[in-house]
Protein backbone atom coordinates (compact mmCIF):
# COMPACT_ATOMS: atom_id res chain seq x y z
CA MET A 1 17.70 -70.90 111.28
CA LYS A 2 18.36 -67.92 109.05
CA ALA A 3 16.76 -67.35 105.65
CA GLN A 4 17.16 -64.71 102.97
CA ILE A 5 14.28 -62.60 101.71
CA ILE A 6 14.03 -63.17 97.95
CA GLN A 7 12.15 -61.53 95.08
CA ILE A 8 9.15 -63.58 93.85
CA GLY A 9 7.49 -61.71 90.99
CA ASN A 10 6.26 -58.39 92.39
CA SER A 11 6.37 -59.75 95.94
CA GLN A 12 9.02 -60.95 98.33
CA GLY A 13 9.23 -64.22 100.21
CA ILE A 14 11.43 -66.74 101.95
CA ARG A 15 12.26 -70.35 101.15
CA ILE A 16 11.31 -72.76 103.93
CA PRO A 17 12.99 -76.19 103.88
CA LYS A 18 10.64 -79.07 103.06
CA LEU A 19 11.57 -81.01 106.21
CA MET A 20 10.71 -78.01 108.39
CA LEU A 21 7.30 -77.66 106.69
CA GLU A 22 6.60 -81.38 107.15
CA GLU A 23 7.54 -81.29 110.84
CA ALA A 24 5.29 -78.26 111.35
CA CYS A 25 2.43 -80.02 109.47
CA ILE A 26 2.21 -77.15 107.00
CA SER A 27 1.17 -78.05 103.47
CA SER A 28 -0.51 -75.47 101.27
CA GLU A 29 -2.28 -72.71 103.19
CA VAL A 30 -0.80 -70.80 106.12
CA GLU A 31 -1.95 -68.14 108.52
CA LEU A 32 0.33 -65.13 109.02
CA ARG A 33 0.26 -63.11 112.24
CA LEU A 34 2.23 -60.00 112.92
CA GLN A 35 3.93 -60.27 116.31
CA PRO A 36 5.84 -57.54 118.18
CA ASP A 37 9.13 -59.28 117.34
CA GLY A 38 8.37 -60.68 113.88
CA ILE A 39 5.94 -62.69 111.77
CA LEU A 40 4.40 -65.96 112.97
CA ILE A 41 3.63 -68.54 110.26
CA LYS A 42 1.04 -71.16 111.29
CA SER A 43 -0.75 -73.94 109.50
CA ALA A 44 -4.21 -72.82 108.44
CA SER A 45 -5.63 -76.31 108.90
CA GLN A 46 -9.02 -76.45 110.52
CA PRO A 47 -9.47 -77.93 113.99
CA ARG A 48 -10.44 -81.60 113.87
CA SER A 49 -9.44 -81.90 110.23
CA GLY A 50 -9.06 -85.55 109.34
CA TRP A 51 -11.37 -86.74 112.11
CA GLU A 52 -14.13 -87.82 109.71
CA GLU A 53 -11.73 -90.12 107.86
CA ALA A 54 -10.35 -91.49 111.14
CA PHE A 55 -13.85 -92.22 112.47
CA ARG A 56 -14.79 -93.92 109.21
CA GLU A 57 -11.70 -96.11 109.44
CA LEU A 58 -12.49 -97.02 113.06
CA ALA A 59 -16.07 -97.95 112.10
CA GLU A 60 -14.87 -100.10 109.19
CA ASN A 61 -12.53 -101.97 111.55
CA ASP A 62 -15.24 -102.25 114.25
CA ASP A 63 -12.83 -100.52 116.62
CA ASN A 64 -14.79 -98.56 119.22
CA GLU A 65 -12.98 -99.36 122.47
CA LEU A 66 -11.36 -96.69 124.62
CA ILE A 67 -7.58 -96.77 124.56
CA ASP A 68 -7.38 -95.63 128.17
CA THR A 69 -10.22 -95.70 130.68
CA PRO A 70 -10.15 -92.70 133.00
CA PRO A 71 -10.22 -93.53 136.70
CA ALA A 72 -13.64 -93.18 138.27
CA GLY A 73 -13.77 -90.69 141.13
CA ASP A 74 -16.50 -90.36 143.76
CA PHE A 75 -18.48 -87.98 141.57
CA GLU A 76 -18.39 -90.33 138.57
CA LYS A 77 -19.35 -93.34 140.70
CA ARG A 78 -22.27 -91.48 142.28
CA GLU A 79 -23.53 -89.55 139.22
CA TRP A 80 -22.79 -92.02 136.46
CA LYS A 81 -23.42 -95.22 138.45
CA TRP A 82 -20.00 -96.80 137.80
């Protein structure tokens, strides 16, 4: 996708379509990185953001079961007494 560089006050910027921002999970703050072939724009969200709310919701619903149980190998059977 091509975009035009536009004047925004004393700075310059580009307009990014809302759908593209939503699909990239970018809301308000971004991280900019200079790459050899351009500028990379990444969401500045912190790792594990939203986990606290998700855990709270799981606890409220008394939902603490694993979705998928990993297969037990010889090590797990011997060391963890499966």
